């Protein structure tokens, strides 16, 4: 790596990880019901404004991943009462919640702020973790993905549930701290602290993009050197 580039990246917490492993960006639950001012979350009396505020930074991260060849994976919730596990349904009923959340065919299910490009994989889950859909892990394994970079909502619910399970299944974890959000800021911060302490890396999206670009340059340089030695 060029000395100037190395100096600029000094202290980047994900440089080694993204230089040494194959990563994908996982965008979690960016849907109307979770983010909009008139969605399901807002109807519970919670404030989803932080979820809307991350859209510009998240779009920039997605654009950078696409430009650099990093896979972008989309995770969506479908919380139809007929499909969620009994634990989920019991909690909903005990809380007295009657409104449905993220039902296909409704406005609440639709993407919010960012959306998949043609051909980008989408995985639907019926509980908090994306790993409850076996196709998600099968896709990661088949593509040789070793690291998941998390973005989306809610930090302390579906993002945390998925990243914890990713860690336990042997995937490295990083969180783009300015591209995740929650309706409850204190719990958002608690999740980020848990990740820092126990599970993986937390840093701004700019660090993730810089590290990914550096890793791509390093790989290209090594390939050129090998070809030149033949």
C-alpha atoms as a PDB file:
ATOM      1  CA  UNK A   1       0.000   0.000   0.000  1.00  0.00           C
ATOM      2  CA  UNK A   2       1.264   3.476  -0.884  1.00  0.00           C
ATOM      3  CA  UNK A   3       2.745   5.280   2.150  1.00  0.00           C
ATOM      4  CA  UNK A   4       0.472   8.301   1.719  1.00  0.00           C
ATOM      5  CA  UNK A   5      -2.601   6.098   1.572  1.00  0.00           C
ATOM      6  CA  UNK A   6      -1.434   4.139   4.612  1.00  0.00           C
ATOM      7  CA  UNK A   7      -0.925   7.314   6.597  1.00  0.00           C
ATOM      8  CA  UNK A   8      -4.357   8.598   5.656  1.00  0.00           C
ATOM      9  CA  UNK A   9      -5.976   5.345   6.740  1.00  0.00           C
ATOM     10  CA  UNK A  10      -4.035   5.112   9.986  1.00  0.00           C
ATOM     11  CA  UNK A  11      -6.469   4.370  12.785  1.00  0.00           C
ATOM     12  CA  UNK A  12      -9.239   3.159  10.476  1.00  0.00           C
ATOM     13  CA  UNK A  13     -10.871   0.417  12.584  1.00  0.00           C
ATOM     14  CA  UNK A  14     -12.056  -1.714   9.672  1.00  0.00           C
ATOM     15  CA  UNK A  15      -9.055  -1.451   7.352  1.00  0.00           C
ATOM     16  CA  UNK A  16      -7.627  -4.855   8.234  1.00  0.00           C
ATOM     17  CA  UNK A  17     -10.996  -6.566   8.263  1.00  0.00           C
ATOM     18  CA  UNK A  18     -12.119  -5.311   4.866  1.00  0.00           C
ATOM     19  CA  UNK A  19      -8.675  -5.881   3.339  1.00  0.00           C
ATOM     20  CA  UNK A  20      -8.576  -9.505   4.459  1.00  0.00           C
ATOM     21  CA  UNK A  21     -12.177 -10.733   4.122  1.00  0.00           C
ATOM     22  CA  UNK A  22     -14.973 -10.686   1.569  1.00  0.00           C
ATOM     23  CA  UNK A  23     -17.670  -8.311   2.789  1.00  0.00           C
ATOM     24  CA  UNK A  24     -21.271  -7.490   1.952  1.00  0.00           C
ATOM     25  CA  UNK A  25     -23.489  -4.597   2.977  1.00  0.00           C
ATOM     26  CA  UNK A  26     -26.696  -5.710   4.738  1.00  0.00           C
ATOM     27  CA  UNK A  27     -29.479  -3.104   4.657  1.00  0.00           C
ATOM     28  CA  UNK A  28     -32.083  -3.963   7.283  1.00  0.00           C
ATOM     29  CA  UNK A  29     -35.790  -3.042   7.324  1.00  0.00           C
ATOM     30  CA  UNK A  30     -35.750   0.288   5.508  1.00  0.00           C
ATOM     31  CA  UNK A  31     -39.534   0.152   5.129  1.00  0.00           C
ATOM     32  CA  UNK A  32     -42.365   2.649   5.406  1.00  0.00           C
ATOM     33  CA  UNK A  33     -43.846   1.097   8.550  1.00  0.00           C
ATOM     34  CA  UNK A  34     -40.567   1.532  10.412  1.00  0.00           C
ATOM     35  CA  UNK A  35     -39.524   4.939   9.119  1.00  0.00           C
ATOM     36  CA  UNK A  36     -42.450   7.059   7.967  1.00  0.00           C
ATOM     37  CA  UNK A  37     -44.201   9.649  10.104  1.00  0.00           C
ATOM     38  CA  UNK A  38     -47.479   7.767   9.598  1.00  0.00           C
ATOM     39  CA  UNK A  39     -46.113   4.215   9.724  1.00  0.00           C
ATOM     40  CA  UNK A  40     -46.539   1.417  12.244  1.00  0.00           C
ATOM     41  CA  UNK A  41     -43.800   2.617  14.607  1.00  0.00           C
ATOM     42  CA  UNK A  42     -45.184   6.154  14.711  1.00  0.00           C
ATOM     43  CA  UNK A  43     -48.615   4.698  15.413  1.00  0.00           C
ATOM     44  CA  UNK A  44     -47.217   3.174  18.622  1.00  0.00           C
ATOM     45  CA  UNK A  45     -46.332   6.647  19.858  1.00  0.00           C
ATOM     46  CA  UNK A  46     -42.617   6.270  19.077  1.00  0.00           C
ATOM     47  CA  UNK A  47     -40.598   8.721  17.015  1.00  0.00           C
ATOM     48  CA  UNK A  48     -39.073   7.269  13.834  1.00  0.00           C
ATOM     49  CA  UNK A  49     -37.495  10.591  12.782  1.00  0.00           C
ATOM     50  CA  UNK A  50     -33.945   9.233  13.371  1.00  0.00           C
ATOM     51  CA  UNK A  51     -34.722   6.467  10.891  1.00  0.00           C
ATOM     52  CA  UNK A  52     -35.530   9.016   8.229  1.00  0.00           C
ATOM     53  CA  UNK A  53     -32.462  11.103   9.031  1.00  0.00           C
ATOM     54  CA  UNK A  54     -30.003   8.361   8.014  1.00  0.00           C
ATOM     55  CA  UNK A  55     -31.280   8.127   4.436  1.00  0.00           C
ATOM     56  CA  UNK A  56     -28.707  10.461   2.770  1.00  0.00           C
ATOM     57  CA  UNK A  57     -25.717   8.806   4.461  1.00  0.00           C
ATOM     58  CA  UNK A  58     -27.143   5.363   3.779  1.00  0.00           C
ATOM     59  CA  UNK A  59     -27.717   6.125   0.103  1.00  0.00           C
ATOM     60  CA  UNK A  60     -24.110   7.310  -0.169  1.00  0.00           C
ATOM     61  CA  UNK A  61     -22.868   4.090   1.447  1.00  0.00           C
ATOM     62  CA  UNK A  62     -24.998   1.978  -0.890  1.00  0.00           C
ATOM     63  CA  UNK A  63     -23.731   3.908  -3.919  1.00  0.00           C
ATOM     64  CA  UNK A  64     -20.149   3.430  -2.781  1.00  0.00           C
ATOM     65  CA  UNK A  65     -20.649  -0.297  -2.241  1.00  0.00           C
ATOM     66  CA  UNK A  66     -22.153  -0.710  -5.695  1.00  0.00           C
ATOM     67  CA  UNK A  67     -19.402   1.318  -7.332  1.00  0.00           C
ATOM     68  CA  UNK A  68     -16.736  -0.753  -5.600  1.00  0.00           C
ATOM     69  CA  UNK A  69     -18.295  -4.126  -6.320  1.00  0.00           C
ATOM     70  CA  UNK A  70     -19.395  -4.873  -2.751  1.00  0.00           C
ATOM     71  CA  UNK A  71     -22.599  -6.947  -2.698  1.00  0.00           C
ATOM     72  CA  UNK A  72     -25.638  -5.142  -1.285  1.00  0.00           C
ATOM     73  CA  UNK A  73     -28.147  -7.402   0.473  1.00  0.00           C
ATOM     74  CA  UNK A  74     -31.644  -6.262   1.406  1.00  0.00           C
ATOM     75  CA  UNK A  75     -33.532  -7.576   4.415  1.00  0.00           C
ATOM     76  CA  UNK A  76     -37.240  -6.915   4.729  1.00  0.00           C
ATOM     77  CA  UNK A  77     -39.803  -7.688   7.435  1.00  0.00           C
ATOM     78  CA  UNK A  78     -43.157  -9.348   6.807  1.00  0.00           C
ATOM     79  CA  UNK A  79     -44.912  -9.512  10.161  1.00  0.00           C
ATOM     80  CA  UNK A  80     -48.178 -11.069   9.074  1.00  0.00           C
ATOM     81  CA  UNK A  81     -49.768 -12.669  12.146  1.00  0.00           C
ATOM     82  CA  UNK A  82     -50.059 -15.947  10.241  1.00  0.00           C
ATOM     83  CA  UNK A  83     -46.299 -16.075   9.639  1.00  0.00           C
ATOM     84  CA  UNK A  84     -44.593 -14.734  12.762  1.00  0.00           C
ATOM     85  CA  UNK A  85     -43.505 -17.190  15.499  1.00  0.00           C
ATOM     86  CA  UNK A  86     -45.823 -17.719  18.486  1.00  0.00           C
ATOM     87  CA  UNK A  87     -43.437 -15.824  20.771  1.00  0.00           C
ATOM     88  CA  UNK A  88     -43.694 -12.761  18.534  1.00  0.00           C
ATOM     89  CA  UNK A  89     -47.472 -12.984  18.319  1.00  0.00           C
ATOM     90  CA  UNK A  90     -47.889 -13.408  22.069  1.00  0.00           C
ATOM     91  CA  UNK A  91     -45.783 -10.320  22.807  1.00  0.00           C
ATOM     92  CA  UNK A  92     -47.827  -8.320  20.322  1.00  0.00           C
ATOM     93  CA  UNK A  93     -51.123  -9.380  21.885  1.00  0.00           C
ATOM     94  CA  UNK A  94     -49.894  -8.771  25.446  1.00  0.00           C
ATOM     95  CA  UNK A  95     -48.931  -5.236  24.406  1.00  0.00           C
ATOM     96  CA  UNK A  96     -52.449  -4.690  23.061  1.00  0.00           C
ATOM     97  CA  UNK A  97     -51.209  -3.983  19.531  1.00  0.00           C
ATOM     98  CA  UNK A  98     -53.875  -4.571  16.905  1.00  0.00           C
ATOM     99  CA  UNK A  99     -52.338  -2.836  13.894  1.00  0.00           C
ATOM    100  CA  UNK A 100     -50.423  -5.033  11.450  1.00  0.00           C
ATOM    101  CA  UNK A 101     -46.840  -4.260  10.440  1.00  0.00           C
ATOM    102  CA  UNK A 102     -45.089  -4.609   7.088  1.00  0.00           C
ATOM    103  CA  UNK A 103     -47.712  -6.647   5.250  1.00  0.00           C
ATOM    104  CA  UNK A 104     -46.906  -7.275   1.564  1.00  0.00           C
ATOM    105  CA  UNK A 105     -49.198  -5.316  -0.710  1.00  0.00           C
ATOM    106  CA  UNK A 106     -49.617  -2.467   1.773  1.00  0.00           C
ATOM    107  CA  UNK A 107     -47.878   0.902   1.806  1.00  0.00           C
ATOM    108  CA  UNK A 108     -46.165  -0.019   5.068  1.00  0.00           C
ATOM    109  CA  UNK A 109     -44.245  -2.864   3.440  1.00  0.00           C
ATOM    110  CA  UNK A 110     -42.706  -0.683   0.740  1.00  0.00           C
ATOM    111  CA  UNK A 111     -39.041   0.431   0.802  1.00  0.00           C
ATOM    112  CA  UNK A 112     -38.381   3.758   2.458  1.00  0.00           C
ATOM    113  CA  UNK A 113     -35.750   6.209   1.217  1.00  0.00           C
ATOM    114  CA  UNK A 114     -33.487   3.604  -0.391  1.00  0.00           C
ATOM    115  CA  UNK A 115     -34.300   0.591  -2.500  1.00  0.00           C
ATOM    116  CA  UNK A 116     -32.673  -2.354  -4.271  1.00  0.00           C
ATOM    117  CA  UNK A 117     -31.166  -2.125  -7.719  1.00  0.00           C
ATOM    118  CA  UNK A 118     -32.079  -4.768 -10.272  1.00  0.00           C
ATOM    119  CA  UNK A 119     -30.593  -8.114  -9.307  1.00  0.00           C
ATOM    120  CA  UNK A 120     -29.691  -7.273  -5.715  1.00  0.00           C
ATOM    121  CA  UNK A 121     -30.806 -10.095  -3.393  1.00  0.00           C
ATOM    122  CA  UNK A 122     -33.736  -9.544  -1.069  1.00  0.00           C
ATOM    123  CA  UNK A 123     -34.509 -11.677   1.981  1.00  0.00           C
ATOM    124  CA  UNK A 124     -37.835 -11.585   3.822  1.00  0.00           C
ATOM    125  CA  UNK A 125     -37.985 -12.451   7.509  1.00  0.00           C
ATOM    126  CA  UNK A 126     -40.879 -13.092   9.859  1.00  0.00           C
ATOM    127  CA  UNK A 127     -39.034 -12.301  13.078  1.00  0.00           C
ATOM    128  CA  UNK A 128     -36.222  -9.992  14.156  1.00  0.00           C
ATOM    129  CA  UNK A 129     -33.168 -11.820  12.767  1.00  0.00           C
ATOM    130  CA  UNK A 130     -32.523 -12.238   9.050  1.00  0.00           C
ATOM    131  CA  UNK A 131     -31.091 -15.669   9.854  1.00  0.00           C
ATOM    132  CA  UNK A 132     -34.619 -16.909  10.552  1.00  0.00           C
ATOM    133  CA  UNK A 133     -34.796 -17.051   6.751  1.00  0.00           C
ATOM    134  CA  UNK A 134     -32.418 -19.945   5.909  1.00  0.00           C
ATOM    135  CA  UNK A 135     -31.885 -18.548   2.422  1.00  0.00           C
ATOM    136  CA  UNK A 136     -29.941 -15.656   3.961  1.00  0.00           C
ATOM    137  CA  UNK A 137     -27.146 -17.745   5.427  1.00  0.00           C
ATOM    138  CA  UNK A 138     -27.150 -20.070   2.419  1.00  0.00           C
ATOM    139  CA  UNK A 139     -26.539 -17.062   0.181  1.00  0.00           C
ATOM    140  CA  UNK A 140     -23.689 -15.792   2.354  1.00  0.00           C
ATOM    141  CA  UNK A 141     -21.978 -19.179   2.388  1.00  0.00           C
ATOM    142  CA  UNK A 142     -22.403 -19.749  -1.334  1.00  0.00           C
ATOM    143  CA  UNK A 143     -20.817 -16.370  -2.133  1.00  0.00           C
ATOM    144  CA  UNK A 144     -17.955 -16.769   0.306  1.00  0.00           C
ATOM    145  CA  UNK A 145     -19.012 -13.724   2.317  1.00  0.00           C
ATOM    146  CA  UNK A 146     -17.131 -13.525   5.601  1.00  0.00           C
ATOM    147  CA  UNK A 147     -18.010 -10.050   6.879  1.00  0.00           C
ATOM    148  CA  UNK A 148     -21.350  -8.259   7.142  1.00  0.00           C
ATOM    149  CA  UNK A 149     -21.543  -4.474   7.307  1.00  0.00           C
ATOM    150  CA  UNK A 150     -24.839  -3.455   8.870  1.00  0.00           C
ATOM    151  CA  UNK A 151     -27.050  -0.494   8.064  1.00  0.00           C
ATOM    152  CA  UNK A 152     -30.742   0.219   8.544  1.00  0.00           C
ATOM    153  CA  UNK A 153     -33.268   0.050  11.388  1.00  0.00           C
ATOM    154  CA  UNK A 154     -33.999  -0.473  14.222  1.00  0.00           C
ATOM    155  CA  UNK A 155     -30.480  -0.564  15.659  1.00  0.00           C
ATOM    156  CA  UNK A 156     -31.551  -2.247  18.883  1.00  0.00           C
ATOM    157  CA  UNK A 157     -34.054  -4.653  17.358  1.00  0.00           C
ATOM    158  CA  UNK A 158     -33.581  -6.257  13.953  1.00  0.00           C
ATOM    159  CA  UNK A 159     -30.095  -4.898  13.295  1.00  0.00           C
ATOM    160  CA  UNK A 160     -28.884  -6.165  16.668  1.00  0.00           C
ATOM    161  CA  UNK A 161     -30.704  -9.488  16.411  1.00  0.00           C
ATOM    162  CA  UNK A 162     -29.163 -10.183  13.013  1.00  0.00           C
ATOM    163  CA  UNK A 163     -25.640  -9.046  13.841  1.00  0.00           C
ATOM    164  CA  UNK A 164     -25.546 -11.072  17.066  1.00  0.00           C
ATOM    165  CA  UNK A 165     -26.564 -14.187  15.173  1.00  0.00           C
ATOM    166  CA  UNK A 166     -24.058 -13.385  12.417  1.00  0.00           C
ATOM    167  CA  UNK A 167     -21.281 -13.204  15.003  1.00  0.00           C
ATOM    168  CA  UNK A 168     -22.355 -16.475  16.603  1.00  0.00           C
ATOM    169  CA  UNK A 169     -22.358 -18.184  13.209  1.00  0.00           C
ATOM    170  CA  UNK A 170     -18.814 -17.076  12.432  1.00  0.00           C
ATOM    171  CA  UNK A 171     -19.317 -13.945  10.366  1.00  0.00           C
ATOM    172  CA  UNK A 172     -17.345 -10.801  11.163  1.00  0.00           C
ATOM    173  CA  UNK A 173     -19.504  -7.806  12.021  1.00  0.00           C
ATOM    174  CA  UNK A 174     -19.192  -4.067  11.408  1.00  0.00           C
ATOM    175  CA  UNK A 175     -21.791  -1.338  11.877  1.00  0.00           C
ATOM    176  CA  UNK A 176     -21.921   1.932   9.942  1.00  0.00           C
ATOM    177  CA  UNK A 177     -22.872   4.076  12.920  1.00  0.00           C
ATOM    178  CA  UNK A 178     -24.288   6.945  10.872  1.00  0.00           C
ATOM    179  CA  UNK A 179     -26.365   4.556   8.759  1.00  0.00           C
ATOM    180  CA  UNK A 180     -28.295   2.840  11.557  1.00  0.00           C
ATOM    181  CA  UNK A 181     -31.024   4.362  13.713  1.00  0.00           C
ATOM    182  CA  UNK A 182     -33.734   3.647  16.246  1.00  0.00           C
ATOM    183  CA  UNK A 183     -36.929   5.183  17.538  1.00  0.00           C
ATOM    184  CA  UNK A 184     -35.262   5.021  20.984  1.00  0.00           C
ATOM    185  CA  UNK A 185     -31.858   6.771  20.920  1.00  0.00           C
ATOM    186  CA  UNK A 186     -30.713   5.375  24.281  1.00  0.00           C
ATOM    187  CA  UNK A 187     -31.189   1.811  23.066  1.00  0.00           C
ATOM    188  CA  UNK A 188     -29.479   2.670  19.767  1.00  0.00           C
ATOM    189  CA  UNK A 189     -26.424   3.787  21.732  1.00  0.00           C
ATOM    190  CA  UNK A 190     -26.556   0.707  23.951  1.00  0.00           C
ATOM    191  CA  UNK A 191     -26.422  -1.574  20.924  1.00  0.00           C
ATOM    192  CA  UNK A 192     -23.465   0.280  19.453  1.00  0.00           C
ATOM    193  CA  UNK A 193     -21.644   0.003  22.773  1.00  0.00           C
ATOM    194  CA  UNK A 194     -22.332  -3.724  22.924  1.00  0.00           C
ATOM    195  CA  UNK A 195     -20.918  -4.180  19.444  1.00  0.00           C
ATOM    196  CA  UNK A 196     -17.804  -2.151  20.289  1.00  0.00           C
ATOM    197  CA  UNK A 197     -17.238  -4.143  23.473  1.00  0.00           C
ATOM    198  CA  UNK A 198     -18.042  -7.662  22.331  1.00  0.00           C
ATOM    199  CA  UNK A 199     -19.065  -8.259  18.763  1.00  0.00           C
ATOM    200  CA  UNK A 200     -17.272  -6.236  16.116  1.00  0.00           C
ATOM    201  CA  UNK A 201     -16.470  -2.817  14.733  1.00  0.00           C
ATOM    202  CA  UNK A 202     -18.432   0.439  14.868  1.00  0.00           C
ATOM    203  CA  UNK A 203     -17.364   3.370  12.732  1.00  0.00           C
ATOM    204  CA  UNK A 204     -18.665   6.006  10.318  1.00  0.00           C
ATOM    205  CA  UNK A 205     -19.609   4.956   6.817  1.00  0.00           C
ATOM    206  CA  UNK A 206     -16.720   7.055   5.485  1.00  0.00           C
ATOM    207  CA  UNK A 207     -14.231   4.749   7.256  1.00  0.00           C
ATOM    208  CA  UNK A 208     -15.925   1.698   5.781  1.00  0.00           C
ATOM    209  CA  UNK A 209     -15.807   3.106   2.263  1.00  0.00           C
ATOM    210  CA  UNK A 210     -12.161   4.196   2.604  1.00  0.00           C
ATOM    211  CA  UNK A 211     -11.128   0.784   3.935  1.00  0.00           C
ATOM    212  CA  UNK A 212     -13.008  -1.052   1.218  1.00  0.00           C
ATOM    213  CA  UNK A 213     -11.413   1.054  -1.520  1.00  0.00           C
ATOM    214  CA  UNK A 214      -7.968   0.512  -0.004  1.00  0.00           C
ATOM    215  CA  UNK A 215      -8.538  -3.222   0.129  1.00  0.00           C
ATOM    216  CA  UNK A 216      -9.599  -3.287  -3.506  1.00  0.00           C
ATOM    217  CA  UNK A 217      -6.486  -1.334  -4.505  1.00  0.00           C
ATOM    218  CA  UNK A 218      -4.268  -3.665  -2.497  1.00  0.00           C
ATOM    219  CA  UNK A 219      -5.821  -6.731  -4.141  1.00  0.00           C
ATOM    220  CA  UNK A 220      -5.458  -5.221  -7.616  1.00  0.00           C
ATOM    221  CA  UNK A 221      -1.812  -4.318  -6.932  1.00  0.00           C
ATOM    222  CA  UNK A 222      -1.034  -7.828  -5.707  1.00  0.00           C
ATOM    223  CA  UNK A 223      -2.656  -9.311  -8.804  1.00  0.00           C
ATOM    224  CA  UNK A 224      -0.624  -7.058 -11.086  1.00  0.00           C
ATOM    225  CA  UNK A 225       2.565  -8.027  -9.269  1.00  0.00           C
ATOM    226  CA  UNK A 226       1.803 -11.721  -9.635  1.00  0.00           C
ATOM    227  CA  UNK A 227       1.022 -11.309 -13.327  1.00  0.00           C
ATOM    228  CA  UNK A 228       4.207  -9.311 -13.872  1.00  0.00           C
ATOM    229  CA  UNK A 229       6.308 -11.999 -12.264  1.00  0.00           C
ATOM    230  CA  UNK A 230       5.170 -14.632 -14.746  1.00  0.00           C
END
